[in-house]
Each structure stands twice: as structure tokens, then as C-alpha cells.
Amino acid sequence: MFRTNPSREFQPETVNIEDLVPQDHLLRKINETIDFSFIAEKCRPLYCQDNGRPCIDPVMLFKMLLIGYLYGIRSERRLIE
């Protein structure tokens, strides 16, 4: 039986994140210029190695706060969106 699906709601779409952000974007320049690995090393002694839940990456949290500051986003919920 031949049928067509007029609705495209559930059709998968492949998106490349690299295509969404322009090459000359400010956040790309910051990421290329600054090595954020020092944050993980500074925070490592503050976390327990064998107890508790796994942590959220401190580097990601710092980058989120930096983006919030740069773009004037005051709410954490807005920042996550």
C-alpha cells in the first residue's frame, strides 16, 4: 500500500553544531584563546573522590557563568536555555 506522510514532525534531521556557530564568533575566539583546564585542577581537591554523586564539570559551570556575564543573562534557568 502506498501512502505519503504530509507531516514532517517526526522526520529525523541531522544538525552539525559547528555549522550553527559562525567561525568568527566571540565564544569560539574565547575557547581558542583561553585554556580552561586550570579550573578543573583548582577544584579537584574540593570534591570527594569516593563518596557522593558525580559532579557537574566545574569547567562547564565556569563557562556558563562567563557566558551569562558576557550576554547579561541573570537567571540560571535562562542561561541553561
C-alpha atoms as a PDB file:
ATOM      1  CA  MET A   1       0.000   0.000   0.000  1.00  0.00           C
ATOM      2  CA  PHE A   2       1.352   3.406  -0.985  1.00  0.00           C
ATOM      3  CA  ARG A   3       0.963   6.306   1.466  1.00  0.00           C
ATOM      4  CA  THR A   4       2.574   9.684   1.809  1.00  0.00           C
ATOM      5  CA  ASN A   5       3.274  11.355   5.092  1.00  0.00           C
ATOM      6  CA  PRO A   6       2.261  15.029   4.882  1.00  0.00           C
ATOM      7  CA  SER A   7       3.543  15.671   8.393  1.00  0.00           C
ATOM      8  CA  ARG A   8       7.288  16.186   8.747  1.00  0.00           C
ATOM      9  CA  GLU A   9       7.135  16.444  12.538  1.00  0.00           C
ATOM     10  CA  PHE A  10       8.838  13.149  13.256  1.00  0.00           C
ATOM     11  CA  GLN A  11      11.371  13.103  10.456  1.00  0.00           C
ATOM     12  CA  PRO A  12      14.926  12.950  11.817  1.00  0.00           C
ATOM     13  CA  GLU A  13      17.209  15.826  10.976  1.00  0.00           C
ATOM     14  CA  THR A  14      20.966  15.857  11.250  1.00  0.00           C
ATOM     15  CA  VAL A  15      22.442  19.059  12.610  1.00  0.00           C
ATOM     16  CA  ASN A  16      26.127  19.819  12.843  1.00  0.00           C
ATOM     17  CA  ILE A  17      26.828  22.114  15.786  1.00  0.00           C
ATOM     18  CA  GLU A  18      29.873  23.502  14.007  1.00  0.00           C
ATOM     19  CA  ASP A  19      27.554  24.883  11.315  1.00  0.00           C
ATOM     20  CA  LEU A  20      25.358  26.698  13.853  1.00  0.00           C
ATOM     21  CA  VAL A  21      28.086  28.926  15.286  1.00  0.00           C
ATOM     22  CA  PRO A  22      29.989  31.203  12.891  1.00  0.00           C
ATOM     23  CA  GLN A  23      33.769  30.775  12.730  1.00  0.00           C
ATOM     24  CA  ASP A  24      34.395  34.374  13.853  1.00  0.00           C
ATOM     25  CA  HIS A  25      32.009  34.223  16.848  1.00  0.00           C
ATOM     26  CA  LEU A  26      33.250  35.676  20.156  1.00  0.00           C
ATOM     27  CA  LEU A  27      32.752  32.420  22.066  1.00  0.00           C
ATOM     28  CA  ARG A  28      34.879  30.492  19.549  1.00  0.00           C
ATOM     29  CA  LYS A  29      37.668  33.043  19.962  1.00  0.00           C
ATOM     30  CA  ILE A  30      37.488  32.792  23.760  1.00  0.00           C
ATOM     31  CA  ASN A  31      37.552  28.990  23.636  1.00  0.00           C
ATOM     32  CA  GLU A  32      40.587  29.012  21.325  1.00  0.00           C
ATOM     33  CA  THR A  33      42.458  31.636  23.363  1.00  0.00           C
ATOM     34  CA  ILE A  34      41.890  30.557  26.965  1.00  0.00           C
ATOM     35  CA  ASP A  35      42.845  27.161  28.350  1.00  0.00           C
ATOM     36  CA  PHE A  36      40.192  26.440  30.973  1.00  0.00           C
ATOM     37  CA  SER A  37      41.840  23.240  32.251  1.00  0.00           C
ATOM     38  CA  PHE A  38      43.277  25.088  35.265  1.00  0.00           C
ATOM     39  CA  ILE A  39      39.760  25.290  36.731  1.00  0.00           C
ATOM     40  CA  ALA A  40      39.450  21.510  36.986  1.00  0.00           C
ATOM     41  CA  GLU A  41      42.814  21.256  38.724  1.00  0.00           C
ATOM     42  CA  LYS A  42      41.925  24.030  41.198  1.00  0.00           C
ATOM     43  CA  CYS A  43      38.563  22.398  42.005  1.00  0.00           C
ATOM     44  CA  ARG A  44      39.717  18.772  42.223  1.00  0.00           C
ATOM     45  CA  PRO A  45      40.695  18.907  45.940  1.00  0.00           C
ATOM     46  CA  LEU A  46      37.271  20.342  46.812  1.00  0.00           C
ATOM     47  CA  TYR A  47      35.420  17.185  45.686  1.00  0.00           C
ATOM     48  CA  CYS A  48      35.356  13.813  47.442  1.00  0.00           C
ATOM     49  CA  GLN A  49      36.864  11.028  45.334  1.00  0.00           C
ATOM     50  CA  ASP A  50      34.915   8.089  46.766  1.00  0.00           C
ATOM     51  CA  ASN A  51      31.637   9.425  48.146  1.00  0.00           C
ATOM     52  CA  GLY A  52      28.603  11.303  46.881  1.00  0.00           C
ATOM     53  CA  ARG A  53      27.130  11.922  43.473  1.00  0.00           C
ATOM     54  CA  PRO A  54      29.204  12.583  40.386  1.00  0.00           C
ATOM     55  CA  CYS A  55      29.786  16.297  39.990  1.00  0.00           C
ATOM     56  CA  ILE A  56      28.934  18.569  37.124  1.00  0.00           C
ATOM     57  CA  ASP A  57      32.115  19.525  35.330  1.00  0.00           C
ATOM     58  CA  PRO A  58      33.436  22.688  37.045  1.00  0.00           C
ATOM     59  CA  VAL A  59      34.840  23.926  33.728  1.00  0.00           C
ATOM     60  CA  MET A  60      31.353  23.787  32.194  1.00  0.00           C
ATOM     61  CA  LEU A  61      29.879  25.653  35.174  1.00  0.00           C
ATOM     62  CA  PHE A  62      32.533  28.351  34.888  1.00  0.00           C
ATOM     63  CA  LYS A  63      31.941  28.704  31.140  1.00  0.00           C
ATOM     64  CA  MET A  64      28.192  29.010  31.741  1.00  0.00           C
ATOM     65  CA  LEU A  65      28.759  31.806  34.254  1.00  0.00           C
ATOM     66  CA  LEU A  66      31.116  33.550  31.853  1.00  0.00           C
ATOM     67  CA  ILE A  67      28.538  33.368  29.054  1.00  0.00           C
ATOM     68  CA  GLY A  68      25.889  34.701  31.436  1.00  0.00           C
ATOM     69  CA  TYR A  69      28.132  37.629  32.330  1.00  0.00           C
ATOM     70  CA  LEU A  70      29.071  38.396  28.724  1.00  0.00           C
ATOM     71  CA  TYR A  71      25.484  38.300  27.467  1.00  0.00           C
ATOM     72  CA  GLY A  72      23.797  39.818  30.531  1.00  0.00           C
ATOM     73  CA  ILE A  73      21.844  36.689  31.417  1.00  0.00           C
ATOM     74  CA  ARG A  74      20.987  36.915  35.108  1.00  0.00           C
ATOM     75  CA  SER A  75      18.826  33.831  35.545  1.00  0.00           C
ATOM     76  CA  GLU A  76      20.369  30.368  35.687  1.00  0.00           C
ATOM     77  CA  ARG A  77      17.278  28.953  34.005  1.00  0.00           C
ATOM     78  CA  ARG A  78      17.645  31.375  31.102  1.00  0.00           C
ATOM     79  CA  LEU A  79      21.322  30.533  30.917  1.00  0.00           C
ATOM     80  CA  ILE A  80      20.566  26.809  30.593  1.00  0.00           C
ATOM     81  CA  GLU A  81      18.034  27.537  27.816  1.00  0.00           C
END
